Amino acid sequence: MTQQSSLASAYNLTDLTEVNRLLMYIQNRAIDSEGNLIRADEVPVVTNLVIQKLIWHYPYLDQIIQELLDNLRFQK
């Protein structure tokens, strides 16, 4: 087992678990201001927009990525 795969396995994050959780949450819970549920074709669009607003506009994204990567690699 390579170091990368053992690290990913240790964190149980070898897939896109959190992305899938976000997709499911939006699919099951998103409604518009009139109470209409989200349509299937809108789920990926809204998900990408949520990621864009929450992550890409976050001012310390590079620092957080570095901290998470360091924790993943150097935590014993």
PDB file of N, CA and C in Angstrom:
ATOM      1  N   MET A   1       0.853  -1.177   0.000  1.00  0.00           N
ATOM      2  CA  MET A   1       0.000   0.000   0.000  1.00  0.00           C
ATOM      3  C   MET A   1       0.897   1.238   0.000  1.00  0.00           C
ATOM      4  N   THR A   2       0.642   2.153  -0.875  1.00  0.00           N
ATOM      5  CA  THR A   2       1.445   3.365  -0.945  1.00  0.00           C
ATOM      6  C   THR A   2       1.092   4.296   0.198  1.00  0.00           C
ATOM      7  N   GLN A   3       1.990   5.273   0.440  1.00  0.00           N
ATOM      8  CA  GLN A   3       1.735   6.238   1.511  1.00  0.00           C
ATOM      9  C   GLN A   3       0.448   7.013   1.242  1.00  0.00           C
ATOM     10  N   GLN A   4       0.238   7.403  -0.015  1.00  0.00           N
ATOM     11  CA  GLN A   4      -0.972   8.151  -0.366  1.00  0.00           C
ATOM     12  C   GLN A   4      -2.230   7.354  -0.081  1.00  0.00           C
ATOM     13  N   SER A   5      -2.261   6.107  -0.513  1.00  0.00           N
ATOM     14  CA  SER A   5      -3.469   5.317  -0.314  1.00  0.00           C
ATOM     15  C   SER A   5      -3.698   5.002   1.153  1.00  0.00           C
ATOM     16  N   SER A   6      -2.619   4.794   1.921  1.00  0.00           N
ATOM     17  CA  SER A   6      -2.808   4.534   3.346  1.00  0.00           C
ATOM     18  C   SER A   6      -3.310   5.775   4.067  1.00  0.00           C
ATOM     19  N   LEU A   7      -2.856   6.955   3.668  1.00  0.00           N
ATOM     20  CA  LEU A   7      -3.356   8.195   4.266  1.00  0.00           C
ATOM     21  C   LEU A   7      -4.827   8.388   3.961  1.00  0.00           C
ATOM     22  N   ALA A   8      -5.190   8.181   2.714  1.00  0.00           N
ATOM     23  CA  ALA A   8      -6.591   8.342   2.327  1.00  0.00           C
ATOM     24  C   ALA A   8      -7.466   7.329   3.051  1.00  0.00           C
ATOM     25  N   SER A   9      -6.986   6.102   3.174  1.00  0.00           N
ATOM     26  CA  SER A   9      -7.759   5.078   3.868  1.00  0.00           C
ATOM     27  C   SER A   9      -7.902   5.401   5.345  1.00  0.00           C
ATOM     28  N   ALA A  10      -6.857   5.948   5.933  1.00  0.00           N
ATOM     29  CA  ALA A  10      -6.907   6.301   7.348  1.00  0.00           C
ATOM     30  C   ALA A  10      -7.988   7.331   7.613  1.00  0.00           C
ATOM     31  N   TYR A  11      -8.216   8.191   6.680  1.00  0.00           N
ATOM     32  CA  TYR A  11      -9.244   9.212   6.826  1.00  0.00           C
ATOM     33  C   TYR A  11     -10.573   8.783   6.216  1.00  0.00           C
ATOM     34  N   ASN A  12     -10.607   7.604   5.602  1.00  0.00           N
ATOM     35  CA  ASN A  12     -11.815   7.087   4.951  1.00  0.00           C
ATOM     36  C   ASN A  12     -12.374   8.089   3.944  1.00  0.00           C
ATOM     37  N   LEU A  13     -11.490   8.740   3.219  1.00  0.00           N
ATOM     38  CA  LEU A  13     -11.899   9.743   2.244  1.00  0.00           C
ATOM     39  C   LEU A  13     -11.356   9.409   0.868  1.00  0.00           C
ATOM     40  N   THR A  14     -11.456   8.148   0.491  1.00  0.00           N
ATOM     41  CA  THR A  14     -10.949   7.747  -0.810  1.00  0.00           C
ATOM     42  C   THR A  14     -11.912   8.085  -1.933  1.00  0.00           C
ATOM     43  N   ASP A  15     -13.118   8.490  -1.577  1.00  0.00           N
ATOM     44  CA  ASP A  15     -14.077   8.927  -2.584  1.00  0.00           C
ATOM     45  C   ASP A  15     -14.521  10.346  -2.239  1.00  0.00           C
ATOM     46  N   LEU A  16     -15.482  10.835  -2.927  1.00  0.00           N
ATOM     47  CA  LEU A  16     -15.949  12.199  -2.710  1.00  0.00           C
ATOM     48  C   LEU A  16     -17.156  12.200  -1.772  1.00  0.00           C
ATOM     49  N   THR A  17     -16.978  11.634  -0.609  1.00  0.00           N
ATOM     50  CA  THR A  17     -18.056  11.466   0.355  1.00  0.00           C
ATOM     51  C   THR A  17     -18.780  12.770   0.655  1.00  0.00           C
ATOM     52  N   GLU A  18     -18.045  13.812   0.954  1.00  0.00           N
ATOM     53  CA  GLU A  18     -18.673  15.077   1.339  1.00  0.00           C
ATOM     54  C   GLU A  18     -19.367  15.750   0.159  1.00  0.00           C
ATOM     55  N   VAL A  19     -18.810  15.604  -1.023  1.00  0.00           N
ATOM     56  CA  VAL A  19     -19.480  16.141  -2.214  1.00  0.00           C
ATOM     57  C   VAL A  19     -20.798  15.402  -2.431  1.00  0.00           C
ATOM     58  N   ASN A  20     -20.764  14.094  -2.272  1.00  0.00           N
ATOM     59  CA  ASN A  20     -21.997  13.311  -2.420  1.00  0.00           C
ATOM     60  C   ASN A  20     -23.028  13.689  -1.363  1.00  0.00           C
ATOM     61  N   ARG A  21     -22.574  13.935  -0.143  1.00  0.00           N
ATOM     62  CA  ARG A  21     -23.502  14.370   0.909  1.00  0.00           C
ATOM     63  C   ARG A  21     -24.137  15.710   0.551  1.00  0.00           C
ATOM     64  N   LEU A  22     -23.335  16.622   0.014  1.00  0.00           N
ATOM     65  CA  LEU A  22     -23.869  17.923  -0.393  1.00  0.00           C
ATOM     66  C   LEU A  22     -24.885  17.761  -1.518  1.00  0.00           C
ATOM     67  N   LEU A  23     -24.566  16.936  -2.503  1.00  0.00           N
ATOM     68  CA  LEU A  23     -25.508  16.679  -3.595  1.00  0.00           C
ATOM     69  C   LEU A  23     -26.827  16.118  -3.073  1.00  0.00           C
ATOM     70  N   MET A  24     -26.750  15.151  -2.185  1.00  0.00           N
ATOM     71  CA  MET A  24     -27.962  14.545  -1.632  1.00  0.00           C
ATOM     72  C   MET A  24     -28.761  15.549  -0.807  1.00  0.00           C
ATOM     73  N   TYR A  25     -28.064  16.362  -0.046  1.00  0.00           N
ATOM     74  CA  TYR A  25     -28.743  17.372   0.767  1.00  0.00           C
ATOM     75  C   TYR A  25     -29.512  18.340  -0.129  1.00  0.00           C
ATOM     76  N   ILE A  26     -28.843  18.842  -1.141  1.00  0.00           N
ATOM     77  CA  ILE A  26     -29.490  19.788  -2.056  1.00  0.00           C
ATOM     78  C   ILE A  26     -30.650  19.114  -2.774  1.00  0.00           C
ATOM     79  N   GLN A  27     -30.445  17.907  -3.248  1.00  0.00           N
ATOM     80  CA  GLN A  27     -31.501  17.184  -3.966  1.00  0.00           C
ATOM     81  C   GLN A  27     -32.730  16.972  -3.086  1.00  0.00           C
ATOM     82  N   ASN A  28     -32.521  16.684  -1.824  1.00  0.00           N
ATOM     83  CA  ASN A  28     -33.630  16.346  -0.930  1.00  0.00           C
ATOM     84  C   ASN A  28     -34.238  17.532  -0.193  1.00  0.00           C
ATOM     85  N   ARG A  29     -33.507  18.648  -0.095  1.00  0.00           N
ATOM     86  CA  ARG A  29     -33.976  19.722   0.768  1.00  0.00           C
ATOM     87  C   ARG A  29     -34.178  21.069   0.089  1.00  0.00           C
ATOM     88  N   ALA A  30     -33.581  21.279  -1.077  1.00  0.00           N
ATOM     89  CA  ALA A  30     -33.617  22.611  -1.690  1.00  0.00           C
ATOM     90  C   ALA A  30     -35.007  22.942  -2.220  1.00  0.00           C
ATOM     91  N   ILE A  31     -35.479  24.109  -1.820  1.00  0.00           N
ATOM     92  CA  ILE A  31     -36.753  24.630  -2.329  1.00  0.00           C
ATOM     93  C   ILE A  31     -36.560  26.093  -2.696  1.00  0.00           C
ATOM     94  N   ASP A  32     -37.375  26.566  -3.613  1.00  0.00           N
ATOM     95  CA  ASP A  32     -37.315  27.983  -3.960  1.00  0.00           C
ATOM     96  C   ASP A  32     -38.235  28.775  -3.034  1.00  0.00           C
ATOM     97  N   SER A  33     -38.324  30.073  -3.252  1.00  0.00           N
ATOM     98  CA  SER A  33     -39.107  30.934  -2.363  1.00  0.00           C
ATOM     99  C   SER A  33     -40.606  30.665  -2.437  1.00  0.00           C
ATOM    100  N   GLU A  34     -41.030  29.913  -3.463  1.00  0.00           N
ATOM    101  CA  GLU A  34     -42.447  29.553  -3.583  1.00  0.00           C
ATOM    102  C   GLU A  34     -42.735  28.154  -3.039  1.00  0.00           C
ATOM    103  N   GLY A  35     -41.717  27.504  -2.484  1.00  0.00           N
ATOM    104  CA  GLY A  35     -41.893  26.177  -1.903  1.00  0.00           C
ATOM    105  C   GLY A  35     -41.759  25.032  -2.877  1.00  0.00           C
ATOM    106  N   ASN A  36     -41.302  25.300  -4.101  1.00  0.00           N
ATOM    107  CA  ASN A  36     -41.129  24.256  -5.108  1.00  0.00           C
ATOM    108  C   ASN A  36     -39.788  23.558  -4.912  1.00  0.00           C
ATOM    109  N   LEU A  37     -39.819  22.216  -4.962  1.00  0.00           N
ATOM    110  CA  LEU A  37     -38.589  21.442  -4.842  1.00  0.00           C
ATOM    111  C   LEU A  37     -37.679  21.667  -6.044  1.00  0.00           C
ATOM    112  N   ILE A  38     -36.408  21.463  -5.820  1.00  0.00           N
ATOM    113  CA  ILE A  38     -35.420  21.590  -6.884  1.00  0.00           C
ATOM    114  C   ILE A  38     -35.644  20.485  -7.918  1.00  0.00           C
ATOM    115  N   ARG A  39     -35.427  20.813  -9.196  1.00  0.00           N
ATOM    116  CA  ARG A  39     -35.519  19.812 -10.265  1.00  0.00           C
ATOM    117  C   ARG A  39     -34.171  19.100 -10.387  1.00  0.00           C
ATOM    118  N   ALA A  40     -34.209  17.885 -10.889  1.00  0.00           N
ATOM    119  CA  ALA A  40     -32.991  17.076 -11.016  1.00  0.00           C
ATOM    120  C   ALA A  40     -31.912  17.783 -11.827  1.00  0.00           C
ATOM    121  N   ASP A  41     -32.301  18.483 -12.894  1.00  0.00           N
ATOM    122  CA  ASP A  41     -31.307  19.153 -13.730  1.00  0.00           C
ATOM    123  C   ASP A  41     -30.710  20.385 -13.050  1.00  0.00           C
ATOM    124  N   GLU A  42     -31.331  20.856 -11.976  1.00  0.00           N
ATOM    125  CA  GLU A  42     -30.813  22.019 -11.258  1.00  0.00           C
ATOM    126  C   GLU A  42     -29.823  21.641 -10.154  1.00  0.00           C
ATOM    127  N   VAL A  43     -29.847  20.381  -9.724  1.00  0.00           N
ATOM    128  CA  VAL A  43     -29.005  19.950  -8.605  1.00  0.00           C
ATOM    129  C   VAL A  43     -27.522  20.212  -8.858  1.00  0.00           C
ATOM    130  N   PRO A  44     -26.935  19.777  -9.990  1.00  0.00           N
ATOM    131  CA  PRO A  44     -25.509  20.032 -10.184  1.00  0.00           C
ATOM    132  C   PRO A  44     -25.185  21.518 -10.308  1.00  0.00           C
ATOM    133  N   VAL A  45     -26.088  22.273 -10.905  1.00  0.00           N
ATOM    134  CA  VAL A  45     -25.857  23.716 -11.060  1.00  0.00           C
ATOM    135  C   VAL A  45     -25.826  24.388  -9.692  1.00  0.00           C
ATOM    136  N   VAL A  46     -26.833  24.104  -8.877  1.00  0.00           N
ATOM    137  CA  VAL A  46     -26.900  24.707  -7.542  1.00  0.00           C
ATOM    138  C   VAL A  46     -25.722  24.241  -6.686  1.00  0.00           C
ATOM    139  N   THR A  47     -25.355  22.978  -6.795  1.00  0.00           N
ATOM    140  CA  THR A  47     -24.216  22.461  -6.032  1.00  0.00           C
ATOM    141  C   THR A  47     -22.942  23.206  -6.398  1.00  0.00           C
ATOM    142  N   ASN A  48     -22.702  23.383  -7.678  1.00  0.00           N
ATOM    143  CA  ASN A  48     -21.513  24.124  -8.102  1.00  0.00           C
ATOM    144  C   ASN A  48     -21.547  25.569  -7.627  1.00  0.00           C
ATOM    145  N   LEU A  49     -22.712  26.186  -7.639  1.00  0.00           N
ATOM    146  CA  LEU A  49     -22.828  27.566  -7.165  1.00  0.00           C
ATOM    147  C   LEU A  49     -22.589  27.658  -5.658  1.00  0.00           C
ATOM    148  N   VAL A  50     -23.063  26.673  -4.904  1.00  0.00           N
ATOM    149  CA  VAL A  50     -22.806  26.642  -3.462  1.00  0.00           C
ATOM    150  C   VAL A  50     -21.314  26.528  -3.200  1.00  0.00           C
ATOM    151  N   ILE A  51     -20.654  25.609  -3.895  1.00  0.00           N
ATOM    152  CA  ILE A  51     -19.207  25.444  -3.738  1.00  0.00           C
ATOM    153  C   ILE A  51     -18.493  26.736  -4.104  1.00  0.00           C
ATOM    154  N   GLN A  52     -18.905  27.351  -5.185  1.00  0.00           N
ATOM    155  CA  GLN A  52     -18.288  28.606  -5.611  1.00  0.00           C
ATOM    156  C   GLN A  52     -18.425  29.675  -4.529  1.00  0.00           C
ATOM    157  N   LYS A  53     -19.612  29.838  -3.986  1.00  0.00           N
ATOM    158  CA  LYS A  53     -19.830  30.873  -2.967  1.00  0.00           C
ATOM    159  C   LYS A  53     -19.116  30.567  -1.660  1.00  0.00           C
ATOM    160  N   LEU A  54     -19.165  29.327  -1.221  1.00  0.00           N
ATOM    161  CA  LEU A  54     -18.605  28.979   0.082  1.00  0.00           C
ATOM    162  C   LEU A  54     -17.100  28.776   0.075  1.00  0.00           C
ATOM    163  N   ILE A  55     -16.570  28.279  -1.010  1.00  0.00           N
ATOM    164  CA  ILE A  55     -15.159  27.907  -1.018  1.00  0.00           C
ATOM    165  C   ILE A  55     -14.297  28.868  -1.821  1.00  0.00           C
ATOM    166  N   TRP A  56     -14.616  29.067  -3.064  1.00  0.00           N
ATOM    167  CA  TRP A  56     -13.729  29.849  -3.921  1.00  0.00           C
ATOM    168  C   TRP A  56     -13.651  31.306  -3.517  1.00  0.00           C
ATOM    169  N   HIS A  57     -14.664  31.798  -2.841  1.00  0.00           N
ATOM    170  CA  HIS A  57     -14.618  33.180  -2.387  1.00  0.00           C
ATOM    171  C   HIS A  57     -14.095  33.306  -0.966  1.00  0.00           C
ATOM    172  N   TYR A  58     -13.717  32.186  -0.378  1.00  0.00           N
ATOM    173  CA  TYR A  58     -13.193  32.202   0.980  1.00  0.00           C
ATOM    174  C   TYR A  58     -11.775  32.761   0.950  1.00  0.00           C
ATOM    175  N   PRO A  59     -11.475  33.776   1.764  1.00  0.00           N
ATOM    176  CA  PRO A  59     -10.199  34.482   1.637  1.00  0.00           C
ATOM    177  C   PRO A  59      -8.969  33.674   2.036  1.00  0.00           C
ATOM    178  N   TYR A  60      -9.127  32.633   2.829  1.00  0.00           N
ATOM    179  CA  TYR A  60      -7.965  31.889   3.304  1.00  0.00           C
ATOM    180  C   TYR A  60      -7.928  30.468   2.764  1.00  0.00           C
ATOM    181  N   LEU A  61      -8.454  30.267   1.586  1.00  0.00           N
ATOM    182  CA  LEU A  61      -8.546  28.923   1.022  1.00  0.00           C
ATOM    183  C   LEU A  61      -7.182  28.251   0.907  1.00  0.00           C
ATOM    184  N   ASP A  62      -6.177  28.955   0.399  1.00  0.00           N
ATOM    185  CA  ASP A  62      -4.850  28.355   0.245  1.00  0.00           C
ATOM    186  C   ASP A  62      -4.268  27.934   1.591  1.00  0.00           C
ATOM    187  N   GLN A  63      -4.450  28.759   2.599  1.00  0.00           N
ATOM    188  CA  GLN A  63      -3.949  28.436   3.935  1.00  0.00           C
ATOM    189  C   GLN A  63      -4.651  27.203   4.498  1.00  0.00           C
ATOM    190  N   ILE A  64      -5.946  27.122   4.323  1.00  0.00           N
ATOM    191  CA  ILE A  64      -6.699  25.971   4.822  1.00  0.00           C
ATOM    192  C   ILE A  64      -6.282  24.698   4.100  1.00  0.00           C
ATOM    193  N   ILE A  65      -6.100  24.775   2.788  1.00  0.00           N
ATOM    194  CA  ILE A  65      -5.650  23.607   2.022  1.00  0.00           C
ATOM    195  C   ILE A  65      -4.292  23.147   2.527  1.00  0.00           C
ATOM    196  N   GLN A  66      -3.375  24.086   2.750  1.00  0.00           N
ATOM    197  CA  GLN A  66      -2.048  23.732   3.244  1.00  0.00           C
ATOM    198  C   GLN A  66      -2.129  23.082   4.624  1.00  0.00           C
ATOM    199  N   GLU A  67      -2.929  23.640   5.522  1.00  0.00           N
ATOM    200  CA  GLU A  67      -3.076  23.063   6.861  1.00  0.00           C
ATOM    201  C   GLU A  67      -3.654  21.651   6.802  1.00  0.00           C
ATOM    202  N   LEU A  68      -4.682  21.454   5.986  1.00  0.00           N
ATOM    203  CA  LEU A  68      -5.285  20.128   5.865  1.00  0.00           C
ATOM    204  C   LEU A  68      -4.311  19.120   5.280  1.00  0.00           C
ATOM    205  N   LEU A  69      -3.564  19.540   4.274  1.00  0.00           N
ATOM    206  CA  LEU A  69      -2.579  18.651   3.663  1.00  0.00           C
ATOM    207  C   LEU A  69      -1.474  18.301   4.654  1.00  0.00           C
ATOM    208  N   ASP A  70      -0.992  19.296   5.406  1.00  0.00           N
ATOM    209  CA  ASP A  70       0.023  19.029   6.430  1.00  0.00           C
ATOM    210  C   ASP A  70      -0.509  18.070   7.491  1.00  0.00           C
ATOM    211  N   ASN A  71      -1.748  18.283   7.932  1.00  0.00           N
ATOM    212  CA  ASN A  71      -2.343  17.380   8.921  1.00  0.00           C
ATOM    213  C   ASN A  71      -2.457  15.964   8.375  1.00  0.00           C
ATOM    214  N   LEU A  72      -2.838  15.850   7.127  1.00  0.00           N
ATOM    215  CA  LEU A  72      -2.973  14.543   6.501  1.00  0.00           C
ATOM    216  C   LEU A  72      -1.629  13.840   6.394  1.00  0.00           C
ATOM    217  N   ARG A  73      -0.599  14.581   6.020  1.00  0.00           N
ATOM    218  CA  ARG A  73       0.710  13.974   5.779  1.00  0.00           C
ATOM    219  C   ARG A  73       1.547  13.769   7.036  1.00  0.00           C
ATOM    220  N   PHE A  74       1.444  14.682   7.980  1.00  0.00           N
ATOM    221  CA  PHE A  74       2.392  14.674   9.092  1.00  0.00           C
ATOM    222  C   PHE A  74       1.790  14.283  10.429  1.00  0.00           C
ATOM    223  N   GLN A  75       0.508  14.030  10.474  1.00  0.00           N
ATOM    224  CA  GLN A  75      -0.123  13.613  11.719  1.00  0.00           C
ATOM    225  C   GLN A  75       0.231  12.164  12.004  1.00  0.00           C
ATOM    226  N   LYS A  76       0.561  11.884  13.228  1.00  0.00           N
ATOM    227  CA  LYS A  76       0.948  10.511  13.588  1.00  0.00           C
ATOM    228  C   LYS A  76      -0.135   9.831  14.348  1.00  0.00           C
TER     229      LYS A  76
END
